[in-house]
Amino acid sequence: MKKNVGNLDRILRIVVGLALLLGFFLTPGASLRWLYLIGIIPLVTGLMSSCPLYSIFGINTCKK
């Protein structure tokens, strides 16, 4: 996959992804706890520096 996520965008995605996953593990009694697992998406796209939605819409925050 082509890199289309810049450094700042990448860092924010990783932080948000980790925060959501941390919320999943810190709230064992919450009824909708599984929603925190959505943090996997920004974490993976941040680590890979590639976002499929950015590709679809032609967005590129990565400096060449």
Protein backbone atom coordinates (compact mmCIF):
# COMPACT_ATOMS: atom_id res chain seq x y z
CA MET A 1 0.00 0.00 0.00
CA LYS A 2 1.14 3.51 -0.78
CA LYS A 3 1.99 5.77 2.15
CA ASN A 4 -0.49 8.62 2.41
CA VAL A 5 -0.41 9.50 6.13
CA GLY A 6 1.97 12.23 7.29
CA ASN A 7 3.97 12.30 10.52
CA LEU A 8 1.59 14.40 12.62
CA ASP A 9 -1.43 12.47 11.35
CA ARG A 10 0.37 9.21 12.05
CA ILE A 11 1.27 10.17 15.62
CA LEU A 12 -2.29 11.29 16.36
CA ARG A 13 -3.71 8.04 14.98
CA ILE A 14 -1.38 5.95 17.11
CA VAL A 15 -2.15 7.93 20.29
CA VAL A 16 -5.92 7.81 19.72
CA GLY A 17 -5.79 4.11 18.88
CA LEU A 18 -3.79 3.28 22.00
CA ALA A 19 -6.08 5.43 24.17
CA LEU A 20 -9.18 3.64 22.91
CA LEU A 21 -7.62 0.22 23.43
CA LEU A 22 -6.53 1.25 26.91
CA GLY A 23 -10.14 2.27 27.61
CA PHE A 24 -11.21 -1.23 26.60
CA PHE A 25 -8.94 -2.83 29.18
CA LEU A 26 -9.66 -0.31 31.95
CA THR A 27 -13.47 -0.59 31.82
CA PRO A 28 -14.20 -4.30 32.31
CA GLY A 29 -17.76 -3.75 33.55
CA ALA A 30 -18.98 -1.36 30.87
CA SER A 31 -21.90 -2.58 28.79
CA LEU A 32 -20.63 -1.21 25.45
CA ARG A 33 -16.97 -1.89 26.17
CA TRP A 34 -16.44 -3.58 22.81
CA LEU A 35 -16.82 -0.18 21.08
CA TYR A 36 -13.35 0.70 22.33
CA LEU A 37 -11.99 -1.93 19.96
CA ILE A 38 -12.57 0.55 17.13
CA GLY A 39 -9.16 1.87 18.29
CA ILE A 40 -7.57 -0.95 16.30
CA ILE A 41 -8.32 0.91 13.06
CA PRO A 42 -6.45 4.18 13.77
CA LEU A 43 -3.64 2.23 15.43
CA VAL A 44 -3.08 -0.01 12.40
CA THR A 45 -3.41 2.80 9.86
CA GLY A 46 -0.97 4.88 11.90
CA LEU A 47 1.57 2.09 12.14
CA MET A 48 1.29 1.30 8.42
CA SER A 49 1.30 5.02 7.39
CA SER A 50 -1.46 4.19 4.96
CA CYS A 51 -5.19 4.85 5.13
CA PRO A 52 -7.59 3.16 2.68
CA LEU A 53 -10.15 5.97 3.02
CA TYR A 54 -7.50 8.54 2.16
CA SER A 55 -6.77 6.55 -1.00
CA ILE A 56 -10.46 6.49 -1.98
CA PHE A 57 -10.89 10.24 -1.50
CA GLY A 58 -7.46 11.18 -2.91
CA ILE A 59 -6.16 12.69 0.34
CA ASN A 60 -2.43 12.65 1.06
CA THR A 61 -0.92 14.22 4.20
CA CYS A 62 2.48 12.65 3.61
CA LYS A 63 5.16 15.06 2.37
CA LYS A 64 7.03 13.72 -0.62
